[in-house]
Amino acid sequence: SGHTTDHFVNGVPVAEKDYMTQVAELVGPE
C-alpha cells in the first residue's frame, strides 16, 4: 500500500519535521 521513512536521532525515533530541524541546526542550510 505504499512506502514510509522512519527517522532516528541518536537512536530515538523522531518525526520527519523534527529530524529535518535538528539536521539544519547541526549542518546548516542545505
PDB file of all heavy atoms in Angstrom:
ATOM      1  N   SER A   1       0.804  -1.224   0.000  1.00  0.00           N
ATOM      2  CA  SER A   1       0.000   0.000   0.000  1.00  0.00           C
ATOM      3  C   SER A   1       0.841   1.280   0.000  1.00  0.00           C
ATOM      4  O   SER A   1       0.304   2.363   0.175  1.00  0.00           O
ATOM      5  CB  SER A   1      -0.940   0.014   1.217  1.00  0.00           C
ATOM      6  OG  SER A   1      -0.191  -0.065   2.430  1.00  0.00           O
ATOM      7  N   GLY A   2       2.167   1.160  -0.167  1.00  0.00           N
ATOM      8  CA  GLY A   2       2.966   2.377  -0.237  1.00  0.00           C
ATOM      9  C   GLY A   2       4.296   2.247   0.482  1.00  0.00           C
ATOM     10  O   GLY A   2       4.740   1.140   0.807  1.00  0.00           O
ATOM     11  N   HIS A   3       4.943   3.410   0.728  1.00  0.00           N
ATOM     12  CA  HIS A   3       6.240   3.439   1.401  1.00  0.00           C
ATOM     13  C   HIS A   3       6.208   4.422   2.572  1.00  0.00           C
ATOM     14  O   HIS A   3       5.350   5.302   2.636  1.00  0.00           O
ATOM     15  CB  HIS A   3       7.343   3.872   0.433  1.00  0.00           C
ATOM     16  CG  HIS A   3       7.518   2.973  -0.744  1.00  0.00           C
ATOM     17  ND1 HIS A   3       6.803   3.135  -1.913  1.00  0.00           N
ATOM     18  CD2 HIS A   3       8.320   1.877  -0.923  1.00  0.00           C
ATOM     19  CE1 HIS A   3       7.165   2.203  -2.781  1.00  0.00           C
ATOM     20  NE2 HIS A   3       8.079   1.427  -2.203  1.00  0.00           N
ATOM     21  N   THR A   4       7.156   4.262   3.445  1.00  0.00           N
ATOM     22  CA  THR A   4       7.306   5.197   4.554  1.00  0.00           C
ATOM     23  C   THR A   4       8.779   5.263   4.935  1.00  0.00           C
ATOM     24  O   THR A   4       9.567   4.377   4.600  1.00  0.00           O
ATOM     25  CB  THR A   4       6.456   4.786   5.767  1.00  0.00           C
ATOM     26  OG1 THR A   4       6.514   5.820   6.755  1.00  0.00           O
ATOM     27  CG2 THR A   4       6.986   3.505   6.377  1.00  0.00           C
ATOM     28  N   THR A   5       9.152   6.347   5.611  1.00  0.00           N
ATOM     29  CA  THR A   5      10.538   6.518   6.054  1.00  0.00           C
ATOM     30  C   THR A   5      10.537   6.818   7.543  1.00  0.00           C
ATOM     31  O   THR A   5       9.830   7.730   8.003  1.00  0.00           O
ATOM     32  CB  THR A   5      11.210   7.679   5.299  1.00  0.00           C
ATOM     33  OG1 THR A   5      11.149   7.431   3.889  1.00  0.00           O
ATOM     34  CG2 THR A   5      12.667   7.817   5.717  1.00  0.00           C
ATOM     35  N   ASP A   6      11.312   6.054   8.286  1.00  0.00           N
ATOM     36  CA  ASP A   6      11.457   6.281   9.720  1.00  0.00           C
ATOM     37  C   ASP A   6      12.740   7.070   9.975  1.00  0.00           C
ATOM     38  O   ASP A   6      13.764   6.868   9.296  1.00  0.00           O
ATOM     39  CB  ASP A   6      11.517   4.937  10.465  1.00  0.00           C
ATOM     40  CG  ASP A   6      10.249   4.117  10.266  1.00  0.00           C
ATOM     41  OD1 ASP A   6       9.186   4.729  10.102  1.00  0.00           O
ATOM     42  OD2 ASP A   6      10.340   2.867  10.245  1.00  0.00           O
ATOM     43  N   HIS A   7      12.693   7.959  10.967  1.00  0.00           N
ATOM     44  CA  HIS A   7      13.827   8.841  11.259  1.00  0.00           C
ATOM     45  C   HIS A   7      14.266   8.634  12.715  1.00  0.00           C
ATOM     46  O   HIS A   7      13.425   8.513  13.618  1.00  0.00           O
ATOM     47  CB  HIS A   7      13.425  10.312  11.041  1.00  0.00           C
ATOM     48  CG  HIS A   7      12.950  10.612   9.653  1.00  0.00           C
ATOM     49  ND1 HIS A   7      11.698  10.269   9.197  1.00  0.00           N
ATOM     50  CD2 HIS A   7      13.580  11.249   8.621  1.00  0.00           C
ATOM     51  CE1 HIS A   7      11.561  10.670   7.940  1.00  0.00           C
ATOM     52  NE2 HIS A   7      12.673  11.269   7.571  1.00  0.00           N
ATOM     53  N   PHE A   8      15.584   8.646  12.898  1.00  0.00           N
ATOM     54  CA  PHE A   8      16.139   8.448  14.246  1.00  0.00           C
ATOM     55  C   PHE A   8      17.291   9.423  14.463  1.00  0.00           C
ATOM     56  O   PHE A   8      18.111   9.655  13.567  1.00  0.00           O
ATOM     57  CB  PHE A   8      16.658   7.010  14.420  1.00  0.00           C
ATOM     58  CG  PHE A   8      15.627   5.941  14.152  1.00  0.00           C
ATOM     59  CD1 PHE A   8      15.414   5.472  12.863  1.00  0.00           C
ATOM     60  CD2 PHE A   8      14.873   5.416  15.187  1.00  0.00           C
ATOM     61  CE1 PHE A   8      14.475   4.487  12.612  1.00  0.00           C
ATOM     62  CE2 PHE A   8      13.937   4.425  14.948  1.00  0.00           C
ATOM     63  CZ  PHE A   8      13.737   3.959  13.654  1.00  0.00           C
ATOM     64  N   VAL A   9      17.346   9.988  15.648  1.00  0.00           N
ATOM     65  CA  VAL A   9      18.464  10.829  16.062  1.00  0.00           C
ATOM     66  C   VAL A   9      19.012  10.244  17.358  1.00  0.00           C
ATOM     67  O   VAL A   9      18.297  10.167  18.368  1.00  0.00           O
ATOM     68  CB  VAL A   9      18.025  12.291  16.268  1.00  0.00           C
ATOM     69  CG1 VAL A   9      19.206  13.128  16.767  1.00  0.00           C
ATOM     70  CG2 VAL A   9      17.476  12.879  14.976  1.00  0.00           C
ATOM     71  N   ASN A  10      20.253   9.796  17.298  1.00  0.00           N
ATOM     72  CA  ASN A  10      20.881   9.128  18.447  1.00  0.00           C
ATOM     73  C   ASN A  10      20.042   7.953  18.937  1.00  0.00           C
ATOM     74  O   ASN A  10      19.880   7.721  20.138  1.00  0.00           O
ATOM     75  CB  ASN A  10      21.122  10.118  19.585  1.00  0.00           C
ATOM     76  CG  ASN A  10      22.152  11.168  19.218  1.00  0.00           C
ATOM     77  OD1 ASN A  10      23.102  10.883  18.484  1.00  0.00           O
ATOM     78  ND2 ASN A  10      21.969  12.384  19.723  1.00  0.00           N
ATOM     79  N   GLY A  11      19.448   7.218  17.986  1.00  0.00           N
ATOM     80  CA  GLY A  11      18.665   6.030  18.295  1.00  0.00           C
ATOM     81  C   GLY A  11      17.240   6.309  18.712  1.00  0.00           C
ATOM     82  O   GLY A  11      16.475   5.363  18.928  1.00  0.00           O
ATOM     83  N   VAL A  12      16.852   7.574  18.817  1.00  0.00           N
ATOM     84  CA  VAL A  12      15.497   7.924  19.261  1.00  0.00           C
ATOM     85  C   VAL A  12      14.623   8.215  18.043  1.00  0.00           C
ATOM     86  O   VAL A  12      14.986   9.068  17.213  1.00  0.00           O
ATOM     87  CB  VAL A  12      15.522   9.148  20.189  1.00  0.00           C
ATOM     88  CG1 VAL A  12      14.103   9.504  20.639  1.00  0.00           C
ATOM     89  CG2 VAL A  12      16.429   8.875  21.388  1.00  0.00           C
ATOM     90  N   PRO A  13      13.478   7.535  17.905  1.00  0.00           N
ATOM     91  CA  PRO A  13      12.593   7.829  16.772  1.00  0.00           C
ATOM     92  C   PRO A  13      12.034   9.253  16.883  1.00  0.00           C
ATOM     93  O   PRO A  13      11.600   9.689  17.964  1.00  0.00           O
ATOM     94  CB  PRO A  13      11.472   6.790  16.909  1.00  0.00           C
ATOM     95  CG  PRO A  13      12.012   5.734  17.824  1.00  0.00           C
ATOM     96  CD  PRO A  13      12.965   6.412  18.743  1.00  0.00           C
ATOM     97  N   VAL A  14      12.047   9.975  15.774  1.00  0.00           N
ATOM     98  CA  VAL A  14      11.516  11.337  15.757  1.00  0.00           C
ATOM     99  C   VAL A  14      10.698  11.524  14.488  1.00  0.00           C
ATOM    100  O   VAL A  14      10.853  10.784  13.506  1.00  0.00           O
ATOM    101  CB  VAL A  14      12.639  12.393  15.806  1.00  0.00           C
ATOM    102  CG1 VAL A  14      13.399  12.337  17.112  1.00  0.00           C
ATOM    103  CG2 VAL A  14      13.596  12.238  14.625  1.00  0.00           C
ATOM    104  N   ALA A  15       9.832  12.525  14.512  1.00  0.00           N
ATOM    105  CA  ALA A  15       9.058  12.851  13.324  1.00  0.00           C
ATOM    106  C   ALA A  15       9.967  13.478  12.260  1.00  0.00           C
ATOM    107  O   ALA A  15      11.016  14.048  12.574  1.00  0.00           O
ATOM    108  CB  ALA A  15       7.920  13.816  13.678  1.00  0.00           C
ATOM    109  N   GLU A  16       9.564  13.378  11.018  1.00  0.00           N
ATOM    110  CA  GLU A  16      10.400  13.900   9.920  1.00  0.00           C
ATOM    111  C   GLU A  16      10.671  15.399  10.099  1.00  0.00           C
ATOM    112  O   GLU A  16      11.792  15.856   9.882  1.00  0.00           O
ATOM    113  CB  GLU A  16       9.710  13.648   8.572  1.00  0.00           C
ATOM    114  CG  GLU A  16      10.518  14.175   7.386  1.00  0.00           C
ATOM    115  CD  GLU A  16       9.828  13.925   6.059  1.00  0.00           C
ATOM    116  OE1 GLU A  16       8.667  13.445   6.070  1.00  0.00           O
ATOM    117  OE2 GLU A  16      10.432  14.213   5.008  1.00  0.00           O
ATOM    118  N   LYS A  17       9.652  16.163  10.489  1.00  0.00           N
ATOM    119  CA  LYS A  17       9.832  17.601  10.666  1.00  0.00           C
ATOM    120  C   LYS A  17      10.891  17.898  11.722  1.00  0.00           C
ATOM    121  O   LYS A  17      11.777  18.750  11.519  1.00  0.00           O
ATOM    122  CB  LYS A  17       8.492  18.238  11.051  1.00  0.00           C
ATOM    123  CG  LYS A  17       8.554  19.741  11.244  1.00  0.00           C
ATOM    124  CD  LYS A  17       7.184  20.295  11.601  1.00  0.00           C
ATOM    125  CE  LYS A  17       7.260  21.806  11.811  1.00  0.00           C
ATOM    126  NZ  LYS A  17       5.935  22.371  12.186  1.00  0.00           N
ATOM    127  N   ASP A  18      10.817  17.193  12.856  1.00  0.00           N
ATOM    128  CA  ASP A  18      11.808  17.406  13.921  1.00  0.00           C
ATOM    129  C   ASP A  18      13.188  16.947  13.477  1.00  0.00           C
ATOM    130  O   ASP A  18      14.207  17.571  13.816  1.00  0.00           O
ATOM    131  CB  ASP A  18      11.376  16.646  15.181  1.00  0.00           C
ATOM    132  CG  ASP A  18      10.063  17.166  15.753  1.00  0.00           C
ATOM    133  OD1 ASP A  18       9.775  18.363  15.520  1.00  0.00           O
ATOM    134  OD2 ASP A  18       9.344  16.388  16.396  1.00  0.00           O
ATOM    135  N   TYR A  19      13.231  15.850  12.703  1.00  0.00           N
ATOM    136  CA  TYR A  19      14.510  15.345  12.197  1.00  0.00           C
ATOM    137  C   TYR A  19      15.176  16.403  11.305  1.00  0.00           C
ATOM    138  O   TYR A  19      16.370  16.708  11.470  1.00  0.00           O
ATOM    139  CB  TYR A  19      14.258  14.066  11.409  1.00  0.00           C
ATOM    140  CG  TYR A  19      15.494  13.434  10.821  1.00  0.00           C
ATOM    141  CD1 TYR A  19      16.246  12.517  11.542  1.00  0.00           C
ATOM    142  CD2 TYR A  19      15.907  13.741   9.518  1.00  0.00           C
ATOM    143  CE1 TYR A  19      17.390  11.926  10.996  1.00  0.00           C
ATOM    144  CE2 TYR A  19      17.035  13.165   8.972  1.00  0.00           C
ATOM    145  CZ  TYR A  19      17.774  12.258   9.706  1.00  0.00           C
ATOM    146  OH  TYR A  19      18.890  11.683   9.163  1.00  0.00           O
ATOM    147  N   MET A  20      14.411  16.981  10.366  1.00  0.00           N
ATOM    148  CA  MET A  20      14.978  17.973   9.452  1.00  0.00           C
ATOM    149  C   MET A  20      15.405  19.233  10.202  1.00  0.00           C
ATOM    150  O   MET A  20      16.404  19.876   9.853  1.00  0.00           O
ATOM    151  CB  MET A  20      13.957  18.321   8.366  1.00  0.00           C
ATOM    152  CG  MET A  20      13.557  17.137   7.474  1.00  0.00           C
ATOM    153  SD  MET A  20      14.969  16.321   6.700  1.00  0.00           S
ATOM    154  CE  MET A  20      15.596  17.638   5.666  1.00  0.00           C
ATOM    155  N   THR A  21      14.661  19.590  11.256  1.00  0.00           N
ATOM    156  CA  THR A  21      15.031  20.758  12.052  1.00  0.00           C
ATOM    157  C   THR A  21      16.370  20.533  12.754  1.00  0.00           C
ATOM    158  O   THR A  21      17.246  21.416  12.772  1.00  0.00           O
ATOM    159  CB  THR A  21      13.938  21.063  13.085  1.00  0.00           C
ATOM    160  OG1 THR A  21      12.706  21.341  12.407  1.00  0.00           O
ATOM    161  CG2 THR A  21      14.310  22.257  13.938  1.00  0.00           C
ATOM    162  N   GLN A  22      16.552  19.347  13.319  1.00  0.00           N
ATOM    163  CA  GLN A  22      17.811  19.044  14.001  1.00  0.00           C
ATOM    164  C   GLN A  22      18.976  18.971  13.015  1.00  0.00           C
ATOM    165  O   GLN A  22      20.098  19.412  13.319  1.00  0.00           O
ATOM    166  CB  GLN A  22      17.684  17.734  14.783  1.00  0.00           C
ATOM    167  CG  GLN A  22      16.709  17.812  15.959  1.00  0.00           C
ATOM    168  CD  GLN A  22      16.791  16.592  16.865  1.00  0.00           C
ATOM    169  OE1 GLN A  22      17.874  16.207  17.300  1.00  0.00           O
ATOM    170  NE2 GLN A  22      15.634  15.991  17.152  1.00  0.00           N
ATOM    171  N   VAL A  23      18.735  18.426  11.814  1.00  0.00           N
ATOM    172  CA  VAL A  23      19.797  18.374  10.802  1.00  0.00           C
ATOM    173  C   VAL A  23      20.223  19.782  10.406  1.00  0.00           C
ATOM    174  O   VAL A  23      21.419  20.077  10.265  1.00  0.00           O
ATOM    175  CB  VAL A  23      19.320  17.583   9.569  1.00  0.00           C
ATOM    176  CG1 VAL A  23      20.302  17.759   8.402  1.00  0.00           C
ATOM    177  CG2 VAL A  23      19.165  16.114   9.905  1.00  0.00           C
ATOM    178  N   ALA A  24      19.241  20.685  10.226  1.00  0.00           N
ATOM    179  CA  ALA A  24      19.557  22.064   9.862  1.00  0.00           C
ATOM    180  C   ALA A  24      20.377  22.739  10.960  1.00  0.00           C
ATOM    181  O   ALA A  24      21.286  23.533  10.676  1.00  0.00           O
ATOM    182  CB  ALA A  24      18.274  22.841   9.595  1.00  0.00           C
ATOM    183  N   GLU A  25      20.057  22.436  12.210  1.00  0.00           N
ATOM    184  CA  GLU A  25      20.824  23.011  13.319  1.00  0.00           C
ATOM    185  C   GLU A  25      22.244  22.447  13.369  1.00  0.00           C
ATOM    186  O   GLU A  25      23.185  23.150  13.759  1.00  0.00           O
ATOM    187  CB  GLU A  25      20.108  22.739  14.634  1.00  0.00           C
ATOM    188  CG  GLU A  25      18.774  23.467  14.777  1.00  0.00           C
ATOM    189  CD  GLU A  25      18.044  23.082  16.048  1.00  0.00           C
ATOM    190  OE1 GLU A  25      18.521  22.144  16.731  1.00  0.00           O
ATOM    191  OE2 GLU A  25      16.999  23.696  16.351  1.00  0.00           O
ATOM    192  N   LEU A  26      22.411  21.189  12.949  1.00  0.00           N
ATOM    193  CA  LEU A  26      23.719  20.545  13.027  1.00  0.00           C
ATOM    194  C   LEU A  26      24.642  20.965  11.885  1.00  0.00           C
ATOM    195  O   LEU A  26      25.807  21.304  12.107  1.00  0.00           O
ATOM    196  CB  LEU A  26      23.557  19.024  13.022  1.00  0.00           C
ATOM    197  CG  LEU A  26      22.894  18.385  14.258  1.00  0.00           C
ATOM    198  CD1 LEU A  26      22.631  16.908  14.019  1.00  0.00           C
ATOM    199  CD2 LEU A  26      23.782  18.565  15.494  1.00  0.00           C
ATOM    200  N   VAL A  27      24.121  20.926  10.633  1.00  0.00           N
ATOM    201  CA  VAL A  27      24.995  21.138   9.463  1.00  0.00           C
ATOM    202  C   VAL A  27      24.685  22.434   8.712  1.00  0.00           C
ATOM    203  O   VAL A  27      25.406  22.763   7.761  1.00  0.00           O
ATOM    204  CB  VAL A  27      24.885  19.945   8.492  1.00  0.00           C
ATOM    205  CG1 VAL A  27      25.259  18.659   9.199  1.00  0.00           C
ATOM    206  CG2 VAL A  27      23.489  19.838   7.886  1.00  0.00           C
ATOM    207  N   GLY A  28      23.642  23.147   9.132  1.00  0.00           N
ATOM    208  CA  GLY A  28      23.319  24.395   8.465  1.00  0.00           C
ATOM    209  C   GLY A  28      22.372  24.198   7.289  1.00  0.00           C
ATOM    210  O   GLY A  28      21.914  23.076   7.009  1.00  0.00           O
ATOM    211  N   PRO A  29      22.070  25.284   6.538  1.00  0.00           N
ATOM    212  CA  PRO A  29      21.144  25.186   5.399  1.00  0.00           C
ATOM    213  C   PRO A  29      21.680  24.250   4.318  1.00  0.00           C
ATOM    214  O   PRO A  29      22.898  24.146   4.109  1.00  0.00           O
ATOM    215  CB  PRO A  29      21.070  26.634   4.884  1.00  0.00           C
ATOM    216  CG  PRO A  29      21.538  27.483   6.009  1.00  0.00           C
ATOM    217  CD  PRO A  29      22.525  26.667   6.774  1.00  0.00           C
ATOM    218  N   GLU A  30      20.772  23.580   3.625  1.00  0.00           N
ATOM    219  CA  GLU A  30      21.156  22.632   2.581  1.00  0.00           C
ATOM    220  C   GLU A  30      21.963  23.307   1.472  1.00  0.00           C
ATOM    221  O   GLU A  30      22.985  22.765   1.025  1.00  0.00           O
ATOM    222  CB  GLU A  30      19.905  21.994   1.980  1.00  0.00           C
ATOM    223  CG  GLU A  30      20.200  21.054   0.825  1.00  0.00           C
ATOM    224  CD  GLU A  30      18.935  20.536   0.161  1.00  0.00           C
ATOM    225  OE1 GLU A  30      17.823  20.823   0.663  1.00  0.00           O
ATOM    226  OE2 GLU A  30      19.072  19.847  -0.865  1.00  0.00           O
TER     227      GLU A  30
END
